[in-house]
Amino acid sequence: MSSLPHTVDVIIVGSGAAGLSMALRCAKFADVLLITKKNSALSATNWAQGGIAAVTATDDDFRMHEADTFNAGAGLCNPNVVEMVVRSAPHESRN
């Protein structure tokens, strides 16, 4: 392990897309320490599928997509936002 600085302004835990993005933003005005896992392949970013799941088939269901979104978001999602995004997705996916 490399030696760590004695003081930093910001500590960011995680080197996925969110952690790296925040580190770049903070580095403009602060000394940043980025802590990561030993293996970058363990990053949640590597497992992310991206995009928004949209109800596009007649046998699909908005409630199932909403439940999947809450599950993926570990229950931390704003219910109003989830409903709005899931129910707007079919229209947006056609644009």
PDB file of N, CA and C in Angstrom:
ATOM      1  N   MET A   1       0.846  -1.179   0.000  1.00  0.00           N
ATOM      2  CA  MET A   1       0.000   0.000   0.000  1.00  0.00           C
ATOM      3  C   MET A   1       0.886   1.235   0.000  1.00  0.00           C
ATOM      4  N   SER A   2       0.526   2.203  -0.800  1.00  0.00           N
ATOM      5  CA  SER A   2       1.303   3.437  -0.854  1.00  0.00           C
ATOM      6  C   SER A   2       1.020   4.280   0.385  1.00  0.00           C
ATOM      7  N   SER A   3       1.933   5.177   0.682  1.00  0.00           N
ATOM      8  CA  SER A   3       1.722   6.034   1.846  1.00  0.00           C
ATOM      9  C   SER A   3       0.619   7.047   1.546  1.00  0.00           C
ATOM     10  N   LEU A   4      -0.168   7.326   2.556  1.00  0.00           N
ATOM     11  CA  LEU A   4      -1.283   8.241   2.393  1.00  0.00           C
ATOM     12  C   LEU A   4      -0.890   9.628   2.878  1.00  0.00           C
ATOM     13  N   PRO A   5      -1.482  10.661   2.283  1.00  0.00           N
ATOM     14  CA  PRO A   5      -1.206  12.015   2.770  1.00  0.00           C
ATOM     15  C   PRO A   5      -1.735  12.174   4.191  1.00  0.00           C
ATOM     16  N   HIS A   6      -1.122  13.067   4.934  1.00  0.00           N
ATOM     17  CA  HIS A   6      -1.550  13.276   6.316  1.00  0.00           C
ATOM     18  C   HIS A   6      -2.882  14.010   6.401  1.00  0.00           C
ATOM     19  N   THR A   7      -3.126  14.904   5.473  1.00  0.00           N
ATOM     20  CA  THR A   7      -4.389  15.642   5.475  1.00  0.00           C
ATOM     21  C   THR A   7      -4.917  15.758   4.045  1.00  0.00           C
ATOM     22  N   VAL A   8      -6.201  15.700   3.937  1.00  0.00           N
ATOM     23  CA  VAL A   8      -6.888  15.922   2.666  1.00  0.00           C
ATOM     24  C   VAL A   8      -8.152  16.704   2.961  1.00  0.00           C
ATOM     25  N   ASP A   9      -8.703  17.321   1.935  1.00  0.00           N
ATOM     26  CA  ASP A   9      -9.953  18.056   2.106  1.00  0.00           C
ATOM     27  C   ASP A   9     -11.178  17.164   1.903  1.00  0.00           C
ATOM     28  N   VAL A  10     -11.050  16.213   0.968  1.00  0.00           N
ATOM     29  CA  VAL A  10     -12.186  15.365   0.601  1.00  0.00           C
ATOM     30  C   VAL A  10     -11.714  13.922   0.484  1.00  0.00           C
ATOM     31  N   ILE A  11     -12.493  13.006   1.058  1.00  0.00           N
ATOM     32  CA  ILE A  11     -12.238  11.576   0.887  1.00  0.00           C
ATOM     33  C   ILE A  11     -13.435  10.992   0.139  1.00  0.00           C
ATOM     34  N   ILE A  12     -13.150  10.301  -0.953  1.00  0.00           N
ATOM     35  CA  ILE A  12     -14.200   9.656  -1.734  1.00  0.00           C
ATOM     36  C   ILE A  12     -13.944   8.162  -1.701  1.00  0.00           C
ATOM     37  N   VAL A  13     -14.954   7.411  -1.278  1.00  0.00           N
ATOM     38  CA  VAL A  13     -14.846   5.962  -1.221  1.00  0.00           C
ATOM     39  C   VAL A  13     -15.588   5.402  -2.431  1.00  0.00           C
ATOM     40  N   GLY A  14     -14.838   4.774  -3.321  1.00  0.00           N
ATOM     41  CA  GLY A  14     -15.426   4.179  -4.513  1.00  0.00           C
ATOM     42  C   GLY A  14     -14.896   4.825  -5.777  1.00  0.00           C
ATOM     43  N   SER A  15     -14.466   3.988  -6.708  1.00  0.00           N
ATOM     44  CA  SER A  15     -13.895   4.513  -7.940  1.00  0.00           C
ATOM     45  C   SER A  15     -14.708   4.112  -9.165  1.00  0.00           C
ATOM     46  N   GLY A  16     -16.011   3.939  -8.954  1.00  0.00           N
ATOM     47  CA  GLY A  16     -16.903   3.737 -10.082  1.00  0.00           C
ATOM     48  C   GLY A  16     -17.147   5.070 -10.767  1.00  0.00           C
ATOM     49  N   ALA A  17     -18.095   5.103 -11.655  1.00  0.00           N
ATOM     50  CA  ALA A  17     -18.377   6.330 -12.410  1.00  0.00           C
ATOM     51  C   ALA A  17     -18.712   7.501 -11.484  1.00  0.00           C
ATOM     52  N   ALA A  18     -19.523   7.248 -10.473  1.00  0.00           N
ATOM     53  CA  ALA A  18     -19.914   8.323  -9.561  1.00  0.00           C
ATOM     54  C   ALA A  18     -18.721   8.831  -8.758  1.00  0.00           C
ATOM     55  N   GLY A  19     -17.915   7.918  -8.218  1.00  0.00           N
ATOM     56  CA  GLY A  19     -16.753   8.324  -7.420  1.00  0.00           C
ATOM     57  C   GLY A  19     -15.734   9.086  -8.236  1.00  0.00           C
ATOM     58  N   LEU A  20     -15.444   8.601  -9.439  1.00  0.00           N
ATOM     59  CA  LEU A  20     -14.467   9.283 -10.289  1.00  0.00           C
ATOM     60  C   LEU A  20     -14.977  10.646 -10.744  1.00  0.00           C
ATOM     61  N   SER A  21     -16.252  10.721 -11.064  1.00  0.00           N
ATOM     62  CA  SER A  21     -16.834  12.003 -11.465  1.00  0.00           C
ATOM     63  C   SER A  21     -16.735  13.022 -10.328  1.00  0.00           C
ATOM     64  N   MET A  22     -17.071  12.579  -9.130  1.00  0.00           N
ATOM     65  CA  MET A  22     -16.991  13.480  -7.974  1.00  0.00           C
ATOM     66  C   MET A  22     -15.548  13.871  -7.683  1.00  0.00           C
ATOM     67  N   ALA A  23     -14.626  12.932  -7.803  1.00  0.00           N
ATOM     68  CA  ALA A  23     -13.212  13.229  -7.558  1.00  0.00           C
ATOM     69  C   ALA A  23     -12.712  14.295  -8.522  1.00  0.00           C
ATOM     70  N   LEU A  24     -13.084  14.186  -9.782  1.00  0.00           N
ATOM     71  CA  LEU A  24     -12.658  15.187 -10.771  1.00  0.00           C
ATOM     72  C   LEU A  24     -13.227  16.559 -10.451  1.00  0.00           C
ATOM     73  N   ARG A  25     -14.477  16.596 -10.040  1.00  0.00           N
ATOM     74  CA  ARG A  25     -15.094  17.888  -9.696  1.00  0.00           C
ATOM     75  C   ARG A  25     -14.443  18.504  -8.465  1.00  0.00           C
ATOM     76  N   CYS A  26     -14.235  17.692  -7.444  1.00  0.00           N
ATOM     77  CA  CYS A  26     -13.650  18.201  -6.198  1.00  0.00           C
ATOM     78  C   CYS A  26     -12.195  18.612  -6.377  1.00  0.00           C
ATOM     79  N   ALA A  27     -11.467  17.926  -7.251  1.00  0.00           N
ATOM     80  CA  ALA A  27     -10.039  18.205  -7.436  1.00  0.00           C
ATOM     81  C   ALA A  27      -9.797  19.610  -7.965  1.00  0.00           C
ATOM     82  N   LYS A  28     -10.819  20.253  -8.482  1.00  0.00           N
ATOM     83  CA  LYS A  28     -10.670  21.629  -8.980  1.00  0.00           C
ATOM     84  C   LYS A  28     -10.455  22.623  -7.844  1.00  0.00           C
ATOM     85  N   PHE A  29     -10.909  22.248  -6.626  1.00  0.00           N
ATOM     86  CA  PHE A  29     -10.795  23.190  -5.512  1.00  0.00           C
ATOM     87  C   PHE A  29     -10.287  22.564  -4.214  1.00  0.00           C
ATOM     88  N   ALA A  30      -9.984  21.266  -4.227  1.00  0.00           N
ATOM     89  CA  ALA A  30      -9.615  20.600  -2.971  1.00  0.00           C
ATOM     90  C   ALA A  30      -8.615  19.477  -3.224  1.00  0.00           C
ATOM     91  N   ASP A  31      -7.912  19.098  -2.142  1.00  0.00           N
ATOM     92  CA  ASP A  31      -7.063  17.906  -2.187  1.00  0.00           C
ATOM     93  C   ASP A  31      -7.963  16.701  -1.946  1.00  0.00           C
ATOM     94  N   VAL A  32      -7.929  15.734  -2.884  1.00  0.00           N
ATOM     95  CA  VAL A  32      -8.857  14.608  -2.861  1.00  0.00           C
ATOM     96  C   VAL A  32      -8.096  13.310  -2.626  1.00  0.00           C
ATOM     97  N   LEU A  33      -8.665  12.464  -1.771  1.00  0.00           N
ATOM     98  CA  LEU A  33      -8.169  11.104  -1.577  1.00  0.00           C
ATOM     99  C   LEU A  33      -9.263  10.171  -2.068  1.00  0.00           C
ATOM    100  N   LEU A  34      -8.929   9.333  -3.045  1.00  0.00           N
ATOM    101  CA  LEU A  34      -9.879   8.384  -3.608  1.00  0.00           C
ATOM    102  C   LEU A  34      -9.511   6.991  -3.112  1.00  0.00           C
ATOM    103  N   ILE A  35     -10.448   6.339  -2.446  1.00  0.00           N
ATOM    104  CA  ILE A  35     -10.216   4.992  -1.927  1.00  0.00           C
ATOM    105  C   ILE A  35     -11.017   4.019  -2.784  1.00  0.00           C
ATOM    106  N   THR A  36     -10.353   2.944  -3.217  1.00  0.00           N
ATOM    107  CA  THR A  36     -11.010   1.983  -4.099  1.00  0.00           C
ATOM    108  C   THR A  36     -10.758   0.559  -3.635  1.00  0.00           C
ATOM    109  N   LYS A  37     -11.518  -0.364  -4.198  1.00  0.00           N
ATOM    110  CA  LYS A  37     -11.314  -1.781  -3.923  1.00  0.00           C
ATOM    111  C   LYS A  37     -10.035  -2.246  -4.604  1.00  0.00           C
ATOM    112  N   LYS A  38      -9.539  -3.359  -4.196  1.00  0.00           N
ATOM    113  CA  LYS A  38      -8.318  -3.916  -4.770  1.00  0.00           C
ATOM    114  C   LYS A  38      -8.479  -4.217  -6.255  1.00  0.00           C
ATOM    115  N   ASN A  39      -9.663  -4.679  -6.653  1.00  0.00           N
ATOM    116  CA  ASN A  39      -9.891  -5.107  -8.021  1.00  0.00           C
ATOM    117  C   ASN A  39     -10.965  -4.233  -8.658  1.00  0.00           C
ATOM    118  N   SER A  40     -10.639  -3.493  -9.707  1.00  0.00           N
ATOM    119  CA  SER A  40     -11.597  -2.582 -10.333  1.00  0.00           C
ATOM    120  C   SER A  40     -12.787  -3.316 -10.934  1.00  0.00           C
ATOM    121  N   ALA A  41     -12.642  -4.600 -11.247  1.00  0.00           N
ATOM    122  CA  ALA A  41     -13.758  -5.362 -11.806  1.00  0.00           C
ATOM    123  C   ALA A  41     -14.883  -5.547 -10.798  1.00  0.00           C
ATOM    124  N   LEU A  42     -14.625  -5.268  -9.520  1.00  0.00           N
ATOM    125  CA  LEU A  42     -15.650  -5.381  -8.494  1.00  0.00           C
ATOM    126  C   LEU A  42     -16.542  -4.150  -8.426  1.00  0.00           C
ATOM    127  N   SER A  43     -16.244  -3.149  -9.218  1.00  0.00           N
ATOM    128  CA  SER A  43     -16.995  -1.901  -9.210  1.00  0.00           C
ATOM    129  C   SER A  43     -18.440  -2.123  -9.644  1.00  0.00           C
ATOM    130  N   ALA A  44     -19.373  -1.471  -8.949  1.00  0.00           N
ATOM    131  CA  ALA A  44     -20.782  -1.558  -9.335  1.00  0.00           C
ATOM    132  C   ALA A  44     -20.995  -1.006 -10.741  1.00  0.00           C
ATOM    133  N   THR A  45     -20.161  -0.062 -11.151  1.00  0.00           N
ATOM    134  CA  THR A  45     -20.279   0.507 -12.492  1.00  0.00           C
ATOM    135  C   THR A  45     -20.102  -0.566 -13.553  1.00  0.00           C
ATOM    136  N   ASN A  46     -19.224  -1.521 -13.314  1.00  0.00           N
ATOM    137  CA  ASN A  46     -19.017  -2.596 -14.285  1.00  0.00           C
ATOM    138  C   ASN A  46     -20.250  -3.468 -14.435  1.00  0.00           C
ATOM    139  N   TRP A  47     -21.098  -3.505 -13.416  1.00  0.00           N
ATOM    140  CA  TRP A  47     -22.293  -4.343 -13.463  1.00  0.00           C
ATOM    141  C   TRP A  47     -23.519  -3.565 -13.939  1.00  0.00           C
ATOM    142  N   ALA A  48     -23.410  -2.257 -14.017  1.00  0.00           N
ATOM    143  CA  ALA A  48     -24.566  -1.439 -14.407  1.00  0.00           C
ATOM    144  C   ALA A  48     -24.959  -1.708 -15.854  1.00  0.00           C
ATOM    145  N   GLN A  49     -26.244  -1.792 -16.089  1.00  0.00           N
ATOM    146  CA  GLN A  49     -26.741  -2.030 -17.431  1.00  0.00           C
ATOM    147  C   GLN A  49     -27.052  -0.726 -18.139  1.00  0.00           C
ATOM    148  N   GLY A  50     -27.340   0.294 -17.402  1.00  0.00           N
ATOM    149  CA  GLY A  50     -27.637   1.590 -17.995  1.00  0.00           C
ATOM    150  C   GLY A  50     -29.017   1.641 -18.614  1.00  0.00           C
ATOM    151  N   GLY A  51     -29.417   2.834 -18.978  1.00  0.00           N
ATOM    152  CA  GLY A  51     -30.705   3.006 -19.636  1.00  0.00           C
ATOM    153  C   GLY A  51     -31.873   2.945 -18.677  1.00  0.00           C
ATOM    154  N   ILE A  52     -33.044   3.067 -19.237  1.00  0.00           N
ATOM    155  CA  ILE A  52     -34.276   3.007 -18.457  1.00  0.00           C
ATOM    156  C   ILE A  52     -35.128   1.899 -19.050  1.00  0.00           C
ATOM    157  N   ALA A  53     -35.589   0.996 -18.219  1.00  0.00           N
ATOM    158  CA  ALA A  53     -36.464  -0.081 -18.688  1.00  0.00           C
ATOM    159  C   ALA A  53     -37.830   0.512 -18.999  1.00  0.00           C
ATOM    160  N   ALA A  54     -38.344   0.224 -20.168  1.00  0.00           N
ATOM    161  CA  ALA A  54     -39.627   0.779 -20.583  1.00  0.00           C
ATOM    162  C   ALA A  54     -40.630  -0.324 -20.871  1.00  0.00           C
ATOM    163  N   VAL A  55     -41.871  -0.074 -20.492  1.00  0.00           N
ATOM    164  CA  VAL A  55     -42.966  -0.982 -20.821  1.00  0.00           C
ATOM    165  C   VAL A  55     -43.265  -0.772 -22.305  1.00  0.00           C
ATOM    166  N   THR A  56     -42.981  -1.806 -23.103  1.00  0.00           N
ATOM    167  CA  THR A  56     -43.191  -1.682 -24.549  1.00  0.00           C
ATOM    168  C   THR A  56     -44.052  -2.796 -25.119  1.00  0.00           C
ATOM    169  N   ALA A  57     -44.384  -3.794 -24.323  1.00  0.00           N
ATOM    170  CA  ALA A  57     -45.187  -4.916 -24.796  1.00  0.00           C
ATOM    171  C   ALA A  57     -46.519  -4.950 -24.050  1.00  0.00           C
ATOM    172  N   THR A  58     -47.525  -5.519 -24.685  1.00  0.00           N
ATOM    173  CA  THR A  58     -48.848  -5.552 -24.068  1.00  0.00           C
ATOM    174  C   THR A  58     -48.897  -6.432 -22.819  1.00  0.00           C
ATOM    175  N   ASP A  59     -47.987  -7.400 -22.723  1.00  0.00           N
ATOM    176  CA  ASP A  59     -47.978  -8.269 -21.542  1.00  0.00           C
ATOM    177  C   ASP A  59     -47.013  -7.777 -20.467  1.00  0.00           C
ATOM    178  N   ASP A  60     -46.484  -6.567 -20.638  1.00  0.00           N
ATOM    179  CA  ASP A  60     -45.582  -5.975 -19.653  1.00  0.00           C
ATOM    180  C   ASP A  60     -46.410  -5.169 -18.660  1.00  0.00           C
ATOM    181  N   ASP A  61     -45.780  -4.725 -17.563  1.00  0.00           N
ATOM    182  CA  ASP A  61     -46.529  -4.098 -16.490  1.00  0.00           C
ATOM    183  C   ASP A  61     -45.716  -2.989 -15.828  1.00  0.00           C
ATOM    184  N   PHE A  62     -46.324  -1.808 -15.696  1.00  0.00           N
ATOM    185  CA  PHE A  62     -45.644  -0.672 -15.058  1.00  0.00           C
ATOM    186  C   PHE A  62     -45.246  -1.003 -13.623  1.00  0.00           C
ATOM    187  N   ARG A  63     -46.145  -1.677 -12.885  1.00  0.00           N
ATOM    188  CA  ARG A  63     -45.859  -1.986 -11.475  1.00  0.00           C
ATOM    189  C   ARG A  63     -44.631  -2.872 -11.335  1.00  0.00           C
ATOM    190  N   MET A  64     -44.447  -3.803 -12.282  1.00  0.00           N
ATOM    191  CA  MET A  64     -43.266  -4.668 -12.224  1.00  0.00           C
ATOM    192  C   MET A  64     -41.992  -3.863 -12.448  1.00  0.00           C
ATOM    193  N   HIS A  65     -42.026  -2.922 -13.383  1.00  0.00           N
ATOM    194  CA  HIS A  65     -40.855  -2.077 -13.628  1.00  0.00           C
ATOM    195  C   HIS A  65     -40.566  -1.182 -12.424  1.00  0.00           C
ATOM    196  N   GLU A  66     -41.614  -0.667 -11.817  1.00  0.00           N
ATOM    197  CA  GLU A  66     -41.430   0.155 -10.618  1.00  0.00           C
ATOM    198  C   GLU A  66     -40.814  -0.681  -9.494  1.00  0.00           C
ATOM    199  N   ALA A  67     -41.310  -1.902  -9.301  1.00  0.00           N
ATOM    200  CA  ALA A  67     -40.764  -2.783  -8.264  1.00  0.00           C
ATOM    201  C   ALA A  67     -39.297  -3.112  -8.549  1.00  0.00           C
ATOM    202  N   ASP A  68     -38.962  -3.376  -9.815  1.00  0.00           N
ATOM    203  CA  ASP A  68     -37.567  -3.649 -10.189  1.00  0.00           C
ATOM    204  C   ASP A  68     -36.679  -2.450  -9.887  1.00  0.00           C
ATOM    205  N   THR A  69     -37.188  -1.256 -10.163  1.00  0.00           N
ATOM    206  CA  THR A  69     -36.412  -0.035  -9.916  1.00  0.00           C
ATOM    207  C   THR A  69     -36.166   0.151  -8.427  1.00  0.00           C
ATOM    208  N   PHE A  70     -37.190  -0.060  -7.608  1.00  0.00           N
ATOM    209  CA  PHE A  70     -37.016   0.041  -6.147  1.00  0.00           C
ATOM    210  C   PHE A  70     -36.022  -0.999  -5.646  1.00  0.00           C
ATOM    211  N   ASN A  71     -36.097  -2.202  -6.191  1.00  0.00           N
ATOM    212  CA  ASN A  71     -35.181  -3.267  -5.798  1.00  0.00           C
ATOM    213  C   ASN A  71     -33.739  -2.893  -6.161  1.00  0.00           C
ATOM    214  N   ALA A  72     -33.535  -2.425  -7.387  1.00  0.00           N
ATOM    215  CA  ALA A  72     -32.192  -2.037  -7.824  1.00  0.00           C
ATOM    216  C   ALA A  72     -31.665  -0.850  -7.031  1.00  0.00           C
ATOM    217  N   GLY A  73     -32.567   0.026  -6.592  1.00  0.00           N
ATOM    218  CA  GLY A  73     -32.170   1.201  -5.825  1.00  0.00           C
ATOM    219  C   GLY A  73     -32.150   0.966  -4.332  1.00  0.00           C
ATOM    220  N   ALA A  74     -32.207  -0.294  -3.919  1.00  0.00           N
ATOM    221  CA  ALA A  74     -32.143  -0.674  -2.499  1.00  0.00           C
ATOM    222  C   ALA A  74     -33.187   0.062  -1.658  1.00  0.00           C
ATOM    223  N   GLY A  75     -34.325   0.394  -2.275  1.00  0.00           N
ATOM    224  CA  GLY A  75     -35.392   1.064  -1.536  1.00  0.00           C
ATOM    225  C   GLY A  75     -35.127   2.527  -1.256  1.00  0.00           C
ATOM    226  N   LEU A  76     -34.082   3.082  -1.827  1.00  0.00           N
ATOM    227  CA  LEU A  76     -33.724   4.477  -1.557  1.00  0.00           C
ATOM    228  C   LEU A  76     -34.320   5.442  -2.581  1.00  0.00           C
ATOM    229  N   CYS A  77     -35.077   4.926  -3.520  1.00  0.00           N
ATOM    230  CA  CYS A  77     -35.632   5.739  -4.602  1.00  0.00           C
ATOM    231  C   CYS A  77     -36.824   6.549  -4.117  1.00  0.00           C
ATOM    232  N   ASN A  78     -36.993   7.707  -4.714  1.00  0.00           N
ATOM    233  CA  ASN A  78     -38.164   8.529  -4.446  1.00  0.00           C
ATOM    234  C   ASN A  78     -39.333   7.926  -5.224  1.00  0.00           C
ATOM    235  N   PRO A  79     -40.393   7.474  -4.556  1.00  0.00           N
ATOM    236  CA  PRO A  79     -41.505   6.808  -5.241  1.00  0.00           C
ATOM    237  C   PRO A  79     -42.132   7.656  -6.344  1.00  0.00           C
ATOM    238  N   ASN A  80     -42.256   8.951  -6.124  1.00  0.00           N
ATOM    239  CA  ASN A  80     -42.849   9.818  -7.142  1.00  0.00           C
ATOM    240  C   ASN A  80     -41.987   9.886  -8.393  1.00  0.00           C
ATOM    241  N   VAL A  81     -40.684   9.936  -8.204  1.00  0.00           N
ATOM    242  CA  VAL A  81     -39.763   9.990  -9.344  1.00  0.00           C
ATOM    243  C   VAL A  81     -39.769   8.660 -10.084  1.00  0.00           C
ATOM    244  N   VAL A  82     -39.753   7.555  -9.348  1.00  0.00           N
ATOM    245  CA  VAL A  82     -39.778   6.236  -9.984  1.00  0.00           C
ATOM    246  C   VAL A  82     -41.025   6.096 -10.847  1.00  0.00           C
ATOM    247  N   GLU A  83     -42.159   6.442 -10.293  1.00  0.00           N
ATOM    248  CA  GLU A  83     -43.409   6.321 -11.050  1.00  0.00           C
ATOM    249  C   GLU A  83     -43.375   7.194 -12.302  1.00  0.00           C
ATOM    250  N   MET A  84     -42.909   8.428 -12.169  1.00  0.00           N
ATOM    251  CA  MET A  84     -42.861   9.344 -13.303  1.00  0.00           C
ATOM    252  C   MET A  84     -41.924   8.818 -14.393  1.00  0.00           C
ATOM    253  N   VAL A  85     -40.741   8.342 -14.000  1.00  0.00           N
ATOM    254  CA  VAL A  85     -39.765   7.858 -14.980  1.00  0.00           C
ATOM    255  C   VAL A  85     -40.272   6.604 -15.678  1.00  0.00           C
ATOM    256  N   VAL A  86     -40.763   5.647 -14.903  1.00  0.00           N
ATOM    257  CA  VAL A  86     -41.233   4.384 -15.485  1.00  0.00           C
ATOM    258  C   VAL A  86     -42.427   4.624 -16.409  1.00  0.00           C
ATOM    259  N   ARG A  87     -43.345   5.478 -15.999  1.00  0.00           N
ATOM    260  CA  ARG A  87     -44.546   5.694 -16.809  1.00  0.00           C
ATOM    261  C   ARG A  87     -44.274   6.605 -18.006  1.00  0.00           C
ATOM    262  N   SER A  88     -43.197   7.391 -17.971  1.00  0.00           N
ATOM    263  CA  SER A  88     -42.823   8.230 -19.116  1.00  0.00           C
ATOM    264  C   SER A  88     -41.919   7.501 -20.093  1.00  0.00           C
ATOM    265  N   ALA A  89     -41.301   6.419 -19.658  1.00  0.00           N
ATOM    266  CA  ALA A  89     -40.298   5.727 -20.466  1.00  0.00           C
ATOM    267  C   ALA A  89     -40.802   5.231 -21.817  1.00  0.00           C
ATOM    268  N   PRO A  90     -42.017   4.661 -21.923  1.00  0.00           N
ATOM    269  CA  PRO A  90     -42.447   4.190 -23.248  1.00  0.00           C
ATOM    270  C   PRO A  90     -42.467   5.318 -24.286  1.00  0.00           C
ATOM    271  N   HIS A  91     -42.968   6.476 -23.889  1.00  0.00           N
ATOM    272  CA  HIS A  91     -42.988   7.611 -24.817  1.00  0.00           C
ATOM    273  C   HIS A  91     -41.593   8.071 -25.167  1.00  0.00           C
ATOM    274  N   GLU A  92     -40.726   8.165 -24.146  1.00  0.00           N
ATOM    275  CA  GLU A  92     -39.359   8.645 -24.370  1.00  0.00           C
ATOM    276  C   GLU A  92     -38.535   7.659 -25.192  1.00  0.00           C
ATOM    277  N   SER A  93     -38.813   6.359 -25.056  1.00  0.00           N
ATOM    278  CA  SER A  93     -38.038   5.369 -25.792  1.00  0.00           C
ATOM    279  C   SER A  93     -38.342   5.420 -27.290  1.00  0.00           C
ATOM    280  N   ARG A  94     -39.457   6.022 -27.649  1.00  0.00           N
ATOM    281  CA  ARG A  94     -39.810   6.156 -29.064  1.00  0.00           C
ATOM    282  C   ARG A  94     -39.210   7.413 -29.682  1.00  0.00           C
ATOM    283  N   ASN A  95     -38.694   8.305 -28.864  1.00  0.00           N
ATOM    284  CA  ASN A  95     -38.118   9.578 -29.376  1.00  0.00           C
ATOM    285  C   ASN A  95     -36.691   9.422 -29.788  1.00  0.00           C
TER     286      ASN A  95
END
